[in-house]
Amino acid sequence: MLRDALGGGMVEPAHMELAEPTIEQTFAECVARGARRIVVHPYFLAPGRHSTQDIPRMCAEAAAKFPGVTHTVTEPLGLDTRMIDVVRRRIQEAVEGEVSAR
């Protein structure tokens, strides 16, 4: 969905640990496909050690292997107040589903 919302831009998953592709593998793949700037979005609901320390460090280490390629790490999802709208809608959908199921 994100790829479509960005008009077909390069959107690839990466994992910090326990699964592949790793951040390093995804950096390499994106660069091989022509990326000169990589934006990394930690898909977390709140800031924590992974999003504020581990992921930025891992991205810097991966980017160091590709001179001329820049990178940015965004804030995680939960820092955006629009997340309240998503949570409110989910609760409303659940409550409305309970009413119609009775």
PDB file of N, CA and C in Angstrom:
ATOM      1  N   MET A   1       0.828  -1.196   0.000  1.00  0.00           N
ATOM      2  CA  MET A   1       0.000   0.000   0.000  1.00  0.00           C
ATOM      3  C   MET A   1       0.869   1.254   0.000  1.00  0.00           C
ATOM      4  N   LEU A   2       1.949   1.216   0.760  1.00  0.00           N
ATOM      5  CA  LEU A   2       2.837   2.377   0.824  1.00  0.00           C
ATOM      6  C   LEU A   2       3.486   2.649  -0.527  1.00  0.00           C
ATOM      7  N   ARG A   3       3.916   1.606  -1.187  1.00  0.00           N
ATOM      8  CA  ARG A   3       4.519   1.762  -2.520  1.00  0.00           C
ATOM      9  C   ARG A   3       3.533   2.459  -3.456  1.00  0.00           C
ATOM     10  N   ASP A   4       2.279   2.036  -3.441  1.00  0.00           N
ATOM     11  CA  ASP A   4       1.264   2.666  -4.280  1.00  0.00           C
ATOM     12  C   ASP A   4       1.035   4.119  -3.879  1.00  0.00           C
ATOM     13  N   ALA A   5       0.994   4.379  -2.572  1.00  0.00           N
ATOM     14  CA  ALA A   5       0.770   5.743  -2.085  1.00  0.00           C
ATOM     15  C   ALA A   5       1.916   6.674  -2.460  1.00  0.00           C
ATOM     16  N   LEU A   6       3.097   6.114  -2.635  1.00  0.00           N
ATOM     17  CA  LEU A   6       4.270   6.910  -3.011  1.00  0.00           C
ATOM     18  C   LEU A   6       4.463   6.963  -4.526  1.00  0.00           C
ATOM     19  N   GLY A   7       3.493   6.496  -5.248  1.00  0.00           N
ATOM     20  CA  GLY A   7       3.576   6.550  -6.698  1.00  0.00           C
ATOM     21  C   GLY A   7       4.514   5.528  -7.293  1.00  0.00           C
ATOM     22  N   GLY A   8       4.658   4.391  -6.638  1.00  0.00           N
ATOM     23  CA  GLY A   8       5.486   3.316  -7.172  1.00  0.00           C
ATOM     24  C   GLY A   8       6.942   3.402  -6.790  1.00  0.00           C
ATOM     25  N   GLY A   9       7.266   4.224  -5.823  1.00  0.00           N
ATOM     26  CA  GLY A   9       8.657   4.339  -5.374  1.00  0.00           C
ATOM     27  C   GLY A   9       9.182   3.040  -4.793  1.00  0.00           C
ATOM     28  N   MET A  10      10.465   3.015  -4.555  1.00  0.00           N
ATOM     29  CA  MET A  10      11.110   1.829  -4.013  1.00  0.00           C
ATOM     30  C   MET A  10      10.771   1.723  -2.515  1.00  0.00           C
ATOM     31  N   VAL A  11      10.064   0.684  -2.139  1.00  0.00           N
ATOM     32  CA  VAL A  11       9.692   0.436  -0.745  1.00  0.00           C
ATOM     33  C   VAL A  11      10.044  -1.006  -0.445  1.00  0.00           C
ATOM     34  N   GLU A  12      10.933  -1.210   0.506  1.00  0.00           N
ATOM     35  CA  GLU A  12      11.392  -2.562   0.818  1.00  0.00           C
ATOM     36  C   GLU A  12      11.422  -2.779   2.324  1.00  0.00           C
ATOM     37  N   PRO A  13      11.081  -3.978   2.773  1.00  0.00           N
ATOM     38  CA  PRO A  13      11.155  -4.271   4.205  1.00  0.00           C
ATOM     39  C   PRO A  13      12.578  -4.612   4.626  1.00  0.00           C
ATOM     40  N   ALA A  14      12.841  -4.424   5.900  1.00  0.00           N
ATOM     41  CA  ALA A  14      14.115  -4.850   6.493  1.00  0.00           C
ATOM     42  C   ALA A  14      13.854  -5.161   7.957  1.00  0.00           C
ATOM     43  N   HIS A  15      14.648  -6.057   8.482  1.00  0.00           N
ATOM     44  CA  HIS A  15      14.508  -6.456   9.885  1.00  0.00           C
ATOM     45  C   HIS A  15      15.817  -6.203  10.614  1.00  0.00           C
ATOM     46  N   MET A  16      15.713  -5.815  11.873  1.00  0.00           N
ATOM     47  CA  MET A  16      16.933  -5.591  12.641  1.00  0.00           C
ATOM     48  C   MET A  16      17.563  -6.889  13.105  1.00  0.00           C
ATOM     49  N   GLU A  17      16.747  -7.869  13.364  1.00  0.00           N
ATOM     50  CA  GLU A  17      17.271  -9.117  13.902  1.00  0.00           C
ATOM     51  C   GLU A  17      16.257 -10.239  13.681  1.00  0.00           C
ATOM     52  N   LEU A  18      16.716 -11.438  13.781  1.00  0.00           N
ATOM     53  CA  LEU A  18      15.878 -12.646  13.764  1.00  0.00           C
ATOM     54  C   LEU A  18      15.257 -13.007  12.421  1.00  0.00           C
ATOM     55  N   ALA A  19      15.301 -12.122  11.451  1.00  0.00           N
ATOM     56  CA  ALA A  19      14.692 -12.437  10.157  1.00  0.00           C
ATOM     57  C   ALA A  19      15.437 -11.697   9.048  1.00  0.00           C
ATOM     58  N   GLU A  20      15.232 -12.155   7.841  1.00  0.00           N
ATOM     59  CA  GLU A  20      15.811 -11.492   6.689  1.00  0.00           C
ATOM     60  C   GLU A  20      14.683 -10.926   5.828  1.00  0.00           C
ATOM     61  N   PRO A  21      14.975  -9.902   5.056  1.00  0.00           N
ATOM     62  CA  PRO A  21      16.282  -9.305   4.837  1.00  0.00           C
ATOM     63  C   PRO A  21      16.675  -8.389   5.993  1.00  0.00           C
ATOM     64  N   THR A  22      17.954  -8.331   6.254  1.00  0.00           N
ATOM     65  CA  THR A  22      18.474  -7.457   7.292  1.00  0.00           C
ATOM     66  C   THR A  22      18.528  -6.022   6.769  1.00  0.00           C
ATOM     67  N   ILE A  23      18.780  -5.095   7.646  1.00  0.00           N
ATOM     68  CA  ILE A  23      18.950  -3.698   7.234  1.00  0.00           C
ATOM     69  C   ILE A  23      20.090  -3.601   6.228  1.00  0.00           C
ATOM     70  N   GLU A  24      21.189  -4.272   6.498  1.00  0.00           N
ATOM     71  CA  GLU A  24      22.329  -4.236   5.588  1.00  0.00           C
ATOM     72  C   GLU A  24      21.985  -4.821   4.220  1.00  0.00           C
ATOM     73  N   GLN A  25      21.266  -5.937   4.203  1.00  0.00           N
ATOM     74  CA  GLN A  25      20.874  -6.546   2.933  1.00  0.00           C
ATOM     75  C   GLN A  25      19.950  -5.630   2.134  1.00  0.00           C
ATOM     76  N   THR A  26      19.021  -5.004   2.815  1.00  0.00           N
ATOM     77  CA  THR A  26      18.087  -4.121   2.119  1.00  0.00           C
ATOM     78  C   THR A  26      18.784  -2.870   1.603  1.00  0.00           C
ATOM     79  N   PHE A  27      19.716  -2.305   2.384  1.00  0.00           N
ATOM     80  CA  PHE A  27      20.502  -1.178   1.893  1.00  0.00           C
ATOM     81  C   PHE A  27      21.198  -1.574   0.590  1.00  0.00           C
ATOM     82  N   ALA A  28      21.867  -2.723   0.611  1.00  0.00           N
ATOM     83  CA  ALA A  28      22.609  -3.180  -0.567  1.00  0.00           C
ATOM     84  C   ALA A  28      21.683  -3.366  -1.759  1.00  0.00           C
ATOM     85  N   GLU A  29      20.526  -3.953  -1.544  1.00  0.00           N
ATOM     86  CA  GLU A  29      19.556  -4.176  -2.623  1.00  0.00           C
ATOM     87  C   GLU A  29      19.067  -2.851  -3.200  1.00  0.00           C
ATOM     88  N   CYS A  30      18.743  -1.913  -2.344  1.00  0.00           N
ATOM     89  CA  CYS A  30      18.248  -0.611  -2.813  1.00  0.00           C
ATOM     90  C   CYS A  30      19.328   0.134  -3.599  1.00  0.00           C
ATOM     91  N   VAL A  31      20.560   0.102  -3.108  1.00  0.00           N
ATOM     92  CA  VAL A  31      21.658   0.760  -3.822  1.00  0.00           C
ATOM     93  C   VAL A  31      21.873   0.084  -5.177  1.00  0.00           C
ATOM     94  N   ALA A  32      21.808  -1.240  -5.202  1.00  0.00           N
ATOM     95  CA  ALA A  32      21.985  -1.968  -6.457  1.00  0.00           C
ATOM     96  C   ALA A  32      20.908  -1.597  -7.470  1.00  0.00           C
ATOM     97  N   ARG A  33      19.741  -1.228  -6.976  1.00  0.00           N
ATOM     98  CA  ARG A  33      18.638  -0.831  -7.858  1.00  0.00           C
ATOM     99  C   ARG A  33      18.655   0.664  -8.175  1.00  0.00           C
ATOM    100  N   GLY A  34      19.678   1.371  -7.682  1.00  0.00           N
ATOM    101  CA  GLY A  34      19.849   2.773  -8.044  1.00  0.00           C
ATOM    102  C   GLY A  34      19.551   3.805  -6.984  1.00  0.00           C
ATOM    103  N   ALA A  35      19.213   3.387  -5.779  1.00  0.00           N
ATOM    104  CA  ALA A  35      18.914   4.362  -4.726  1.00  0.00           C
ATOM    105  C   ALA A  35      20.156   5.169  -4.371  1.00  0.00           C
ATOM    106  N   ARG A  36      19.980   6.470  -4.229  1.00  0.00           N
ATOM    107  CA  ARG A  36      21.067   7.354  -3.793  1.00  0.00           C
ATOM    108  C   ARG A  36      20.723   7.960  -2.440  1.00  0.00           C
ATOM    109  N   ARG A  37      19.444   7.833  -2.056  1.00  0.00           N
ATOM    110  CA  ARG A  37      18.989   8.302  -0.748  1.00  0.00           C
ATOM    111  C   ARG A  37      18.036   7.255  -0.204  1.00  0.00           C
ATOM    112  N   ILE A  38      18.266   6.856   1.029  1.00  0.00           N
ATOM    113  CA  ILE A  38      17.436   5.824   1.649  1.00  0.00           C
ATOM    114  C   ILE A  38      16.790   6.408   2.902  1.00  0.00           C
ATOM    115  N   VAL A  39      15.478   6.267   2.990  1.00  0.00           N
ATOM    116  CA  VAL A  39      14.729   6.706   4.159  1.00  0.00           C
ATOM    117  C   VAL A  39      14.250   5.456   4.874  1.00  0.00           C
ATOM    118  N   VAL A  40      14.623   5.339   6.128  1.00  0.00           N
ATOM    119  CA  VAL A  40      14.278   4.164   6.931  1.00  0.00           C
ATOM    120  C   VAL A  40      13.203   4.574   7.928  1.00  0.00           C
ATOM    121  N   HIS A  41      12.112   3.812   7.928  1.00  0.00           N
ATOM    122  CA  HIS A  41      11.025   4.091   8.867  1.00  0.00           C
ATOM    123  C   HIS A  41      10.903   2.946   9.864  1.00  0.00           C
ATOM    124  N   PRO A  42      11.276   3.188  11.124  1.00  0.00           N
ATOM    125  CA  PRO A  42      11.082   2.156  12.153  1.00  0.00           C
ATOM    126  C   PRO A  42       9.587   1.966  12.413  1.00  0.00           C
ATOM    127  N   TYR A  43       9.098   0.803  12.098  1.00  0.00           N
ATOM    128  CA  TYR A  43       7.671   0.517  12.206  1.00  0.00           C
ATOM    129  C   TYR A  43       7.353   0.087  13.635  1.00  0.00           C
ATOM    130  N   PHE A  44       7.430   1.061  14.537  1.00  0.00           N
ATOM    131  CA  PHE A  44       7.179   0.843  15.958  1.00  0.00           C
ATOM    132  C   PHE A  44       6.122   1.846  16.413  1.00  0.00           C
ATOM    133  N   LEU A  45       5.354   1.485  17.426  1.00  0.00           N
ATOM    134  CA  LEU A  45       4.324   2.380  17.929  1.00  0.00           C
ATOM    135  C   LEU A  45       4.854   3.467  18.853  1.00  0.00           C
ATOM    136  N   ALA A  46       6.020   3.280  19.407  1.00  0.00           N
ATOM    137  CA  ALA A  46       6.557   4.275  20.333  1.00  0.00           C
ATOM    138  C   ALA A  46       8.074   4.280  20.231  1.00  0.00           C
ATOM    139  N   PRO A  47       8.678   5.403  20.579  1.00  0.00           N
ATOM    140  CA  PRO A  47      10.133   5.439  20.566  1.00  0.00           C
ATOM    141  C   PRO A  47      10.691   4.569  21.683  1.00  0.00           C
ATOM    142  N   GLY A  48      11.796   3.968  21.418  1.00  0.00           N
ATOM    143  CA  GLY A  48      12.473   3.131  22.399  1.00  0.00           C
ATOM    144  C   GLY A  48      13.899   2.915  21.920  1.00  0.00           C
ATOM    145  N   ARG A  49      14.626   2.084  22.606  1.00  0.00           N
ATOM    146  CA  ARG A  49      16.032   1.878  22.283  1.00  0.00           C
ATOM    147  C   ARG A  49      16.243   1.429  20.838  1.00  0.00           C
ATOM    148  N   HIS A  50      15.380   0.554  20.347  1.00  0.00           N
ATOM    149  CA  HIS A  50      15.549   0.090  18.970  1.00  0.00           C
ATOM    150  C   HIS A  50      15.415   1.244  17.969  1.00  0.00           C
ATOM    151  N   SER A  51      14.374   2.061  18.136  1.00  0.00           N
ATOM    152  CA  SER A  51      14.142   3.125  17.150  1.00  0.00           C
ATOM    153  C   SER A  51      15.056   4.331  17.343  1.00  0.00           C
ATOM    154  N   THR A  52      15.530   4.562  18.554  1.00  0.00           N
ATOM    155  CA  THR A  52      16.365   5.742  18.788  1.00  0.00           C
ATOM    156  C   THR A  52      17.859   5.460  18.760  1.00  0.00           C
ATOM    157  N   GLN A  53      18.245   4.199  18.986  1.00  0.00           N
ATOM    158  CA  GLN A  53      19.674   3.881  19.037  1.00  0.00           C
ATOM    159  C   GLN A  53      20.073   2.771  18.062  1.00  0.00           C
ATOM    160  N   ASP A  54      19.440   1.618  18.197  1.00  0.00           N
ATOM    161  CA  ASP A  54      19.873   0.442  17.431  1.00  0.00           C
ATOM    162  C   ASP A  54      19.696   0.626  15.921  1.00  0.00           C
ATOM    163  N   ILE A  55      18.511   1.011  15.497  1.00  0.00           N
ATOM    164  CA  ILE A  55      18.254   1.148  14.059  1.00  0.00           C
ATOM    165  C   ILE A  55      19.100   2.263  13.448  1.00  0.00           C
ATOM    166  N   PRO A  56      19.182   3.455  14.073  1.00  0.00           N
ATOM    167  CA  PRO A  56      20.072   4.471  13.498  1.00  0.00           C
ATOM    168  C   PRO A  56      21.533   4.001  13.392  1.00  0.00           C
ATOM    169  N   ARG A  57      22.010   3.274  14.396  1.00  0.00           N
ATOM    170  CA  ARG A  57      23.381   2.761  14.356  1.00  0.00           C
ATOM    171  C   ARG A  57      23.540   1.743  13.233  1.00  0.00           C
ATOM    172  N   MET A  58      22.604   0.820  13.121  1.00  0.00           N
ATOM    173  CA  MET A  58      22.682  -0.208  12.086  1.00  0.00           C
ATOM    174  C   MET A  58      22.596   0.409  10.688  1.00  0.00           C
ATOM    175  N   CYS A  59      21.775   1.440  10.544  1.00  0.00           N
ATOM    176  CA  CYS A  59      21.661   2.121   9.248  1.00  0.00           C
ATOM    177  C   CYS A  59      22.955   2.852   8.911  1.00  0.00           C
ATOM    178  N   ALA A  60      23.555   3.507   9.892  1.00  0.00           N
ATOM    179  CA  ALA A  60      24.824   4.204   9.648  1.00  0.00           C
ATOM    180  C   ALA A  60      25.911   3.216   9.245  1.00  0.00           C
ATOM    181  N   GLU A  61      25.936   2.057   9.898  1.00  0.00           N
ATOM    182  CA  GLU A  61      26.924   1.031   9.542  1.00  0.00           C
ATOM    183  C   GLU A  61      26.689   0.517   8.118  1.00  0.00           C
ATOM    184  N   ALA A  62      25.443   0.297   7.756  1.00  0.00           N
ATOM    185  CA  ALA A  62      25.133  -0.180   6.400  1.00  0.00           C
ATOM    186  C   ALA A  62      25.461   0.898   5.375  1.00  0.00           C
ATOM    187  N   ALA A  63      25.098   2.141   5.655  1.00  0.00           N
ATOM    188  CA  ALA A  63      25.326   3.240   4.711  1.00  0.00           C
ATOM    189  C   ALA A  63      26.808   3.512   4.507  1.00  0.00           C
ATOM    190  N   ALA A  64      27.623   3.247   5.510  1.00  0.00           N
ATOM    191  CA  ALA A  64      29.065   3.504   5.403  1.00  0.00           C
ATOM    192  C   ALA A  64      29.700   2.688   4.275  1.00  0.00           C
ATOM    193  N   LYS A  65      29.058   1.604   3.891  1.00  0.00           N
ATOM    194  CA  LYS A  65      29.585   0.748   2.825  1.00  0.00           C
ATOM    195  C   LYS A  65      29.273   1.301   1.435  1.00  0.00           C
ATOM    196  N   PHE A  66      28.478   2.377   1.377  1.00  0.00           N
ATOM    197  CA  PHE A  66      28.041   2.924   0.100  1.00  0.00           C
ATOM    198  C   PHE A  66      28.281   4.431   0.061  1.00  0.00           C
ATOM    199  N   PRO A  67      29.532   4.832  -0.183  1.00  0.00           N
ATOM    200  CA  PRO A  67      29.830   6.270  -0.260  1.00  0.00           C
ATOM    201  C   PRO A  67      28.937   6.956  -1.292  1.00  0.00           C
ATOM    202  N   GLY A  68      28.469   8.136  -0.939  1.00  0.00           N
ATOM    203  CA  GLY A  68      27.605   8.881  -1.853  1.00  0.00           C
ATOM    204  C   GLY A  68      26.128   8.614  -1.657  1.00  0.00           C
ATOM    205  N   VAL A  69      25.786   7.607  -0.854  1.00  0.00           N
ATOM    206  CA  VAL A  69      24.389   7.310  -0.556  1.00  0.00           C
ATOM    207  C   VAL A  69      24.064   7.918   0.803  1.00  0.00           C
ATOM    208  N   THR A  70      23.017   8.723   0.844  1.00  0.00           N
ATOM    209  CA  THR A  70      22.609   9.318   2.114  1.00  0.00           C
ATOM    210  C   THR A  70      21.444   8.521   2.694  1.00  0.00           C
ATOM    211  N   HIS A  71      21.247   8.677   3.984  1.00  0.00           N
ATOM    212  CA  HIS A  71      20.118   7.994   4.615  1.00  0.00           C
ATOM    213  C   HIS A  71      19.543   8.857   5.733  1.00  0.00           C
ATOM    214  N   THR A  72      18.291   8.604   6.025  1.00  0.00           N
ATOM    215  CA  THR A  72      17.558   9.280   7.087  1.00  0.00           C
ATOM    216  C   THR A  72      16.747   8.219   7.812  1.00  0.00           C
ATOM    217  N   VAL A  73      16.627   8.350   9.123  1.00  0.00           N
ATOM    218  CA  VAL A  73      15.766   7.463   9.907  1.00  0.00           C
ATOM    219  C   VAL A  73      14.634   8.324  10.464  1.00  0.00           C
ATOM    220  N   THR A  74      13.393   7.950  10.155  1.00  0.00           N
ATOM    221  CA  THR A  74      12.233   8.719  10.612  1.00  0.00           C
ATOM    222  C   THR A  74      11.903   8.399  12.069  1.00  0.00           C
ATOM    223  N   GLU A  75      10.994   9.157  12.601  1.00  0.00           N
ATOM    224  CA  GLU A  75      10.433   8.860  13.918  1.00  0.00           C
ATOM    225  C   GLU A  75       9.495   7.659  13.761  1.00  0.00           C
ATOM    226  N   PRO A  76       9.258   6.891  14.834  1.00  0.00           N
ATOM    227  CA  PRO A  76       8.311   5.772  14.737  1.00  0.00           C
ATOM    228  C   PRO A  76       6.871   6.278  14.612  1.00  0.00           C
ATOM    229  N   LEU A  77       5.965   5.383  14.339  1.00  0.00           N
ATOM    230  CA  LEU A  77       4.562   5.727  14.111  1.00  0.00           C
ATOM    231  C   LEU A  77       3.913   6.495  15.256  1.00  0.00           C
ATOM    232  N   GLY A  78       4.099   6.061  16.469  1.00  0.00           N
ATOM    233  CA  GLY A  78       3.359   6.585  17.610  1.00  0.00           C
ATOM    234  C   GLY A  78       3.608   8.030  17.955  1.00  0.00           C
ATOM    235  N   LEU A  79       4.624   8.653  17.370  1.00  0.00           N
ATOM    236  CA  LEU A  79       4.878  10.052  17.660  1.00  0.00           C
ATOM    237  C   LEU A  79       3.949  10.976  16.891  1.00  0.00           C
ATOM    238  N   ASP A  80       3.114  10.413  16.068  1.00  0.00           N
ATOM    239  CA  ASP A  80       2.202  11.204  15.258  1.00  0.00           C
ATOM    240  C   ASP A  80       0.808  11.141  15.889  1.00  0.00           C
ATOM    241  N   THR A  81       0.253  12.284  16.197  1.00  0.00           N
ATOM    242  CA  THR A  81      -1.062  12.312  16.845  1.00  0.00           C
ATOM    243  C   THR A  81      -2.167  11.721  15.976  1.00  0.00           C
ATOM    244  N   ARG A  82      -1.923  11.569  14.676  1.00  0.00           N
ATOM    245  CA  ARG A  82      -2.938  10.948  13.817  1.00  0.00           C
ATOM    246  C   ARG A  82      -3.160   9.479  14.183  1.00  0.00           C
ATOM    247  N   MET A  83      -2.228   8.896  14.909  1.00  0.00           N
ATOM    248  CA  MET A  83      -2.423   7.507  15.359  1.00  0.00           C
ATOM    249  C   MET A  83      -3.651   7.409  16.267  1.00  0.00           C
ATOM    250  N   ILE A  84      -3.964   8.478  16.993  1.00  0.00           N
ATOM    251  CA  ILE A  84      -5.155   8.489  17.843  1.00  0.00           C
ATOM    252  C   ILE A  84      -6.397   8.279  16.990  1.00  0.00           C
ATOM    253  N   ASP A  85      -6.432   8.877  15.806  1.00  0.00           N
ATOM    254  CA  ASP A  85      -7.581   8.696  14.911  1.00  0.00           C
ATOM    255  C   ASP A  85      -7.727   7.242  14.493  1.00  0.00           C
ATOM    256  N   VAL A  86      -6.624   6.572  14.213  1.00  0.00           N
ATOM    257  CA  VAL A  86      -6.670   5.165  13.821  1.00  0.00           C
ATOM    258  C   VAL A  86      -7.189   4.323  14.986  1.00  0.00           C
ATOM    259  N   VAL A  87      -6.664   4.548  16.179  1.00  0.00           N
ATOM    260  CA  VAL A  87      -7.111   3.789  17.355  1.00  0.00           C
ATOM    261  C   VAL A  87      -8.587   4.061  17.626  1.00  0.00           C
ATOM    262  N   ARG A  88      -8.996   5.318  17.564  1.00  0.00           N
ATOM    263  CA  ARG A  88     -10.403   5.664  17.794  1.00  0.00           C
ATOM    264  C   ARG A  88     -11.313   4.966  16.793  1.00  0.00           C
ATOM    265  N   ARG A  89     -10.906   4.946  15.513  1.00  0.00           N
ATOM    266  CA  ARG A  89     -11.711   4.272  14.485  1.00  0.00           C
ATOM    267  C   ARG A  89     -11.816   2.774  14.762  1.00  0.00           C
ATOM    268  N   ARG A  90     -10.713   2.144  15.176  1.00  0.00           N
ATOM    269  CA  ARG A  90     -10.750   0.708  15.452  1.00  0.00           C
ATOM    270  C   ARG A  90     -11.699   0.404  16.607  1.00  0.00           C
ATOM    271  N   ILE A  91     -11.658   1.245  17.632  1.00  0.00           N
ATOM    272  CA  ILE A  91     -12.558   1.054  18.777  1.00  0.00           C
ATOM    273  C   ILE A  91     -13.997   1.248  18.334  1.00  0.00           C
ATOM    274  N   GLN A  92     -14.255   2.292  17.565  1.00  0.00           N
ATOM    275  CA  GLN A  92     -15.603   2.562  17.074  1.00  0.00           C
ATOM    276  C   GLN A  92     -16.109   1.398  16.221  1.00  0.00           C
ATOM    277  N   GLU A  93     -15.262   0.853  15.338  1.00  0.00           N
ATOM    278  CA  GLU A  93     -15.645  -0.289  14.509  1.00  0.00           C
ATOM    279  C   GLU A  93     -16.002  -1.501  15.369  1.00  0.00           C
ATOM    280  N   ALA A  94     -15.217  -1.716  16.420  1.00  0.00           N
ATOM    281  CA  ALA A  94     -15.485  -2.853  17.314  1.00  0.00           C
ATOM    282  C   ALA A  94     -16.800  -2.684  18.052  1.00  0.00           C
ATOM    283  N   VAL A  95     -17.032  -1.471  18.560  1.00  0.00           N
ATOM    284  CA  VAL A  95     -18.271  -1.212  19.296  1.00  0.00           C
ATOM    285  C   VAL A  95     -19.469  -1.344  18.356  1.00  0.00           C
ATOM    286  N   GLU A  96     -19.362  -0.780  17.165  1.00  0.00           N
ATOM    287  CA  GLU A  96     -20.462  -0.879  16.201  1.00  0.00           C
ATOM    288  C   GLU A  96     -20.686  -2.339  15.792  1.00  0.00           C
ATOM    289  N   GLY A  97     -19.629  -3.124  15.696  1.00  0.00           N
ATOM    290  CA  GLY A  97     -19.758  -4.535  15.366  1.00  0.00           C
ATOM    291  C   GLY A  97     -20.468  -5.302  16.453  1.00  0.00           C
ATOM    292  N   GLU A  98     -20.216  -4.931  17.718  1.00  0.00           N
ATOM    293  CA  GLU A  98     -20.901  -5.582  18.843  1.00  0.00           C
ATOM    294  C   GLU A  98     -22.378  -5.267  18.825  1.00  0.00           C
ATOM    295  N   VAL A  99     -22.719  -4.029  18.519  1.00  0.00           N
ATOM    296  CA  VAL A  99     -24.129  -3.615  18.495  1.00  0.00           C
ATOM    297  C   VAL A  99     -24.863  -4.351  17.390  1.00  0.00           C
ATOM    298  N   SER A 100     -24.261  -4.447  16.194  1.00  0.00           N
ATOM    299  CA  SER A 100     -24.946  -5.116  15.093  1.00  0.00           C
ATOM    300  C   SER A 100     -24.988  -6.625  15.274  1.00  0.00           C
ATOM    301  N   ALA A 101     -24.110  -7.184  16.113  1.00  0.00           N
ATOM    302  CA  ALA A 101     -24.072  -8.637  16.316  1.00  0.00           C
ATOM    303  C   ALA A 101     -25.109  -9.088  17.334  1.00  0.00           C
ATOM    304  N   ARG A 102     -25.701  -8.154  18.048  1.00  0.00           N
ATOM    305  CA  ARG A 102     -26.664  -8.531  19.095  1.00  0.00           C
ATOM    306  C   ARG A 102     -27.973  -8.942  18.550  1.00  0.00           C
TER     307      ARG A 102
END
